[in-house]
Structure formats: structure tokens, C-alpha cells
Amino acid sequence: MEVVHQVDTYEGLARHAAEEPDVVVIGALADVPRPPVAARRFLDCRTSDRTAVLVVDDRAVLPAAPRVGVLRPAAGPDEFLSAIRMLAAGYAFSARAEPADPVEPPEQITPRETDVLRLLVSGQTNSEMARELSLTESTVKFHVQNLLRKLRLPNRASAVAYAYETGLISVGELPTQARRP
């Protein structure tokens, strides 16, 4: 077994993936901190099933695909090496710990909450969002808190990261009405 590259960004991962290594191990990356998001992005852009993917995450749920495995971060070295060998041999698996309580998917956000999220990403304050959306500031605060609760996010910065990771907002894209002069 030989480690041929180690990267800390998705861009670096994509650059070296063209060499089609036998197994790619994906954990948290600097520009895509959630391993399942990075893995889905990688799986969508890979040109063949030749490269196996090992996702190191506690709760990753990935679509069934050939040569994809999920391993919990607390796995020991023997389990990690076994996972790589299984993937290299062509197997797919999920060796993650099941949560004690079933995890429900996040609630769907409303169109108004999506508007608030887009404006939040652009850096607007609650009062600026209120003016933009013709709402009271307390209504905007309610939407922000509801959005964070539904998406199970701790703060506004996490909501911004979520918007980029899920593709709701593309890098460099801001809502036209939200751009500041």
C-alpha cells in the first residue's frame, strides 16, 4: 500500500483524481468540511468506477455505488487498512456506527426561509434583510432561527457554509438584489 497524495482541499482532490488512484479517502476538507458532501461531489465528477472512495464520517449516507465505503472516524488502524483493502478489491460497505436514536432528515425550508438564507449569505444584517423583504426585523429573526433549527445548524456562519455546500449558492454568486455597492 502506498500513499501517493495527501490534500486538504477539494480542488487538490479533483486535481489528483485524474490519475485514477485505486482508493481515495475523503474526510473533512478545508473548502468542503462535510465529508459526505465532498464524496458526493467527487462521485458525480469521476469518469469511471475504477477509483474506490472511502468516506470517513460518523453519519454519512451515500447513494449505493460500486466501490464506495463509509468508515467511522473512531475506527482503529486495522479496521482502516481492512476498509481500504476491501474497496481496492471491488467491494462496497458501510462500517459506521448506527446512532442510538434514528436521525430524521432536516425539515424542508420554506421559500421565504430560502430568501432569508440567500440574503444571509450575502452578509446582510437582520435589519437590511427586513427592508429588502418588506418584513419586520423580528420576523426576519424568527425566519433565521427557524432556518437554523430546521437545518440543525448552530449559527449563521454554519448556514452560510450549508448554502455553499448544498449548491444553493455558488461561489461568486450573490442574489442580485443583495449585492452591496
Protein backbone atom coordinates (compact mmCIF):
# COMPACT_ATOMS: atom_id res chain seq x y z
CA MET A 1 0.00 0.00 0.00
CA GLU A 2 1.35 3.43 -0.91
CA VAL A 3 0.04 6.93 -0.20
CA VAL A 4 0.57 8.88 -3.42
CA HIS A 5 -1.01 12.22 -2.49
CA GLN A 6 -2.36 13.99 0.54
CA VAL A 7 -4.57 17.04 0.01
CA ASP A 8 -6.57 19.33 2.26
CA THR A 9 -8.94 20.88 -0.31
CA TYR A 10 -11.49 19.54 -2.76
CA GLU A 11 -9.61 21.31 -5.56
CA GLY A 12 -6.50 19.29 -4.70
CA LEU A 13 -8.56 16.10 -4.58
CA ALA A 14 -10.07 16.75 -8.01
CA ARG A 15 -6.65 17.59 -9.47
CA HIS A 16 -5.12 14.27 -8.37
CA ALA A 17 -8.21 12.19 -9.10
CA ALA A 18 -7.41 12.41 -12.81
CA GLU A 19 -4.55 9.97 -12.08
CA GLU A 20 -7.23 7.42 -11.03
CA PRO A 21 -5.75 6.13 -7.77
CA ASP A 22 -7.07 2.80 -6.52
CA VAL A 23 -8.68 4.30 -3.39
CA VAL A 24 -9.43 7.89 -2.37
CA VAL A 25 -10.00 8.54 1.34
CA ILE A 26 -12.24 11.54 1.96
CA GLY A 27 -12.52 13.25 5.33
CA ALA A 28 -13.18 16.89 6.19
CA LEU A 29 -11.56 19.23 3.66
CA ALA A 30 -10.77 22.90 4.20
CA ASP A 31 -13.18 24.04 1.48
CA VAL A 32 -15.80 21.28 1.94
CA PRO A 33 -15.86 20.44 5.66
CA ARG A 34 -18.58 17.79 5.46
CA PRO A 35 -17.12 14.52 4.09
CA PRO A 36 -20.42 13.22 2.58
CA VAL A 37 -20.79 16.45 0.55
CA ALA A 38 -17.22 16.16 -0.77
CA ALA A 39 -17.76 12.47 -1.54
CA ARG A 40 -20.98 13.10 -3.47
CA ARG A 41 -19.28 15.84 -5.45
CA PHE A 42 -16.34 13.52 -6.19
CA LEU A 43 -18.63 10.62 -7.17
CA ASP A 44 -20.59 12.89 -9.52
CA CYS A 45 -17.46 14.05 -11.36
CA ARG A 46 -15.37 10.87 -11.50
CA THR A 47 -15.07 9.49 -15.00
CA SER A 48 -15.00 5.79 -14.09
CA ASP A 49 -15.73 3.41 -11.24
CA ARG A 50 -12.04 2.43 -11.19
CA THR A 51 -11.30 4.70 -8.20
CA ALA A 52 -12.85 3.47 -4.96
CA VAL A 53 -13.98 6.02 -2.36
CA LEU A 54 -13.68 5.66 1.43
CA VAL A 55 -15.63 8.30 3.37
CA VAL A 56 -14.56 8.84 6.96
CA ASP A 57 -17.63 10.16 8.77
CA ASP A 58 -20.00 9.15 11.57
CA ARG A 59 -23.28 9.67 9.75
CA ALA A 60 -22.51 9.63 6.05
CA VAL A 61 -25.33 8.24 3.96
CA LEU A 62 -24.26 7.87 0.35
CA PRO A 63 -26.08 6.52 -2.66
CA ALA A 64 -25.39 2.88 -3.45
CA ALA A 65 -22.42 2.90 -5.78
CA PRO A 66 -19.74 0.39 -6.66
CA ARG A 67 -16.56 0.60 -4.60
CA VAL A 68 -17.80 3.12 -2.02
CA GLY A 69 -17.33 2.64 1.71
CA VAL A 70 -18.15 4.57 4.86
CA LEU A 71 -15.98 4.22 7.93
CA ARG A 72 -16.43 5.89 11.31
CA PRO A 73 -13.62 8.25 12.41
CA ALA A 74 -13.06 6.26 15.62
CA ALA A 75 -12.05 3.16 13.63
CA GLY A 76 -8.68 1.74 14.52
CA PRO A 77 -5.73 1.31 12.16
CA ASP A 78 -6.54 -2.34 11.41
CA GLU A 79 -10.13 -1.52 10.50
CA PHE A 80 -8.95 1.40 8.35
CA LEU A 81 -6.48 -0.78 6.42
CA SER A 82 -9.09 -3.52 6.01
CA ALA A 83 -11.54 -0.98 4.61
CA ILE A 84 -9.01 0.20 2.04
CA ARG A 85 -8.21 -3.39 1.04
CA MET A 86 -11.92 -4.24 0.66
CA LEU A 87 -12.52 -1.20 -1.54
CA ALA A 88 -9.44 -1.91 -3.64
CA ALA A 89 -10.80 -5.45 -4.15
CA GLY A 90 -14.07 -4.05 -5.51
CA TYR A 91 -16.40 -4.20 -2.50
CA ALA A 92 -18.76 -1.55 -1.15
CA PHE A 93 -19.72 -1.31 2.51
CA SER A 94 -20.83 0.85 5.41
CA ALA A 95 -18.95 0.22 8.65
CA ARG A 96 -20.30 3.19 10.53
CA ALA A 97 -21.82 3.18 13.96
CA GLU A 98 -25.57 3.49 13.94
CA PRO A 99 -26.83 6.41 16.02
CA ALA A 100 -28.67 5.43 19.19
CA ASP A 101 -31.75 7.33 18.07
CA PRO A 102 -32.81 7.35 14.44
CA VAL A 103 -31.76 10.59 12.79
CA GLU A 104 -34.60 12.28 11.00
CA PRO A 105 -33.84 14.24 7.84
CA PRO A 106 -33.95 18.02 8.24
CA GLU A 107 -37.30 19.68 7.72
CA GLN A 108 -37.81 21.37 4.38
CA ILE A 109 -37.16 25.09 4.41
CA THR A 110 -39.82 27.41 3.04
CA PRO A 111 -39.33 29.73 0.05
CA ARG A 112 -39.21 32.70 2.46
CA GLU A 113 -36.53 30.97 4.55
CA THR A 114 -34.61 30.35 1.34
CA ASP A 115 -34.82 34.09 0.58
CA VAL A 116 -33.54 34.86 4.08
CA LEU A 117 -30.70 32.34 3.64
CA ARG A 118 -29.64 33.91 0.34
CA LEU A 119 -29.57 37.37 1.92
CA LEU A 120 -27.75 36.00 4.96
CA VAL A 121 -25.08 34.57 2.63
CA SER A 122 -24.66 37.99 1.06
CA GLY A 123 -23.78 39.37 4.50
CA GLN A 124 -26.90 41.37 5.20
CA THR A 125 -27.92 42.17 8.75
CA ASN A 126 -31.41 41.38 10.06
CA SER A 127 -32.50 45.00 9.56
CA GLU A 128 -31.18 45.05 5.98
CA MET A 129 -32.99 41.79 5.23
CA ALA A 130 -36.16 43.20 6.77
CA ARG A 131 -36.04 46.22 4.43
CA GLU A 132 -35.23 44.05 1.41
CA LEU A 133 -38.08 41.60 2.09
CA SER A 134 -40.58 44.17 3.42
CA LEU A 135 -40.77 42.40 6.80
CA THR A 136 -40.25 43.46 10.36
CA GLU A 137 -36.87 42.78 11.92
CA SER A 138 -38.47 40.43 14.46
CA THR A 139 -39.99 38.41 11.59
CA VAL A 140 -36.57 38.11 9.96
CA LYS A 141 -35.09 36.97 13.31
CA PHE A 142 -37.84 34.36 13.52
CA HIS A 143 -37.03 33.10 10.00
CA VAL A 144 -33.30 32.94 10.75
CA GLN A 145 -33.86 30.99 13.99
CA ASN A 146 -36.36 28.67 12.32
CA LEU A 147 -33.92 28.08 9.46
CA LEU A 148 -31.11 27.20 11.89
CA ARG A 149 -33.40 24.88 13.85
CA LYS A 150 -34.70 23.06 10.76
CA LEU A 151 -31.22 22.56 9.32
CA ARG A 152 -29.79 21.68 12.75
CA LEU A 153 -27.12 24.36 12.44
CA PRO A 154 -25.56 26.17 15.40
CA ASN A 155 -25.11 29.65 13.92
CA ARG A 156 -25.31 31.96 10.90
CA ALA A 157 -21.80 31.06 9.72
CA SER A 158 -22.84 27.41 9.53
CA ALA A 159 -25.88 28.42 7.49
CA VAL A 160 -23.60 30.19 5.00
CA ALA A 161 -21.42 27.07 4.73
CA TYR A 162 -24.56 24.94 4.27
CA ALA A 163 -25.75 27.17 1.43
CA TYR A 164 -22.46 26.73 -0.44
CA GLU A 165 -22.07 23.01 0.32
CA THR A 166 -25.56 22.14 -0.87
CA GLY A 167 -25.25 24.22 -4.03
CA LEU A 168 -27.99 26.67 -3.04
CA ILE A 169 -25.41 29.40 -3.65
CA SER A 170 -22.43 29.01 -5.98
CA VAL A 171 -19.07 30.54 -5.19
CA GLY A 172 -19.08 34.12 -6.51
CA GLU A 173 -22.87 34.17 -6.82
CA LEU A 174 -24.94 36.50 -4.70
CA PRO A 175 -28.55 37.41 -5.17
CA THR A 176 -28.64 40.47 -7.44
CA GLN A 177 -30.77 42.49 -5.04
CA ALA A 178 -28.45 41.61 -2.17
CA ARG A 179 -25.22 42.97 -3.66
CA ARG A 180 -23.83 45.99 -1.95
CA PRO A 181 -22.38 48.90 -3.95
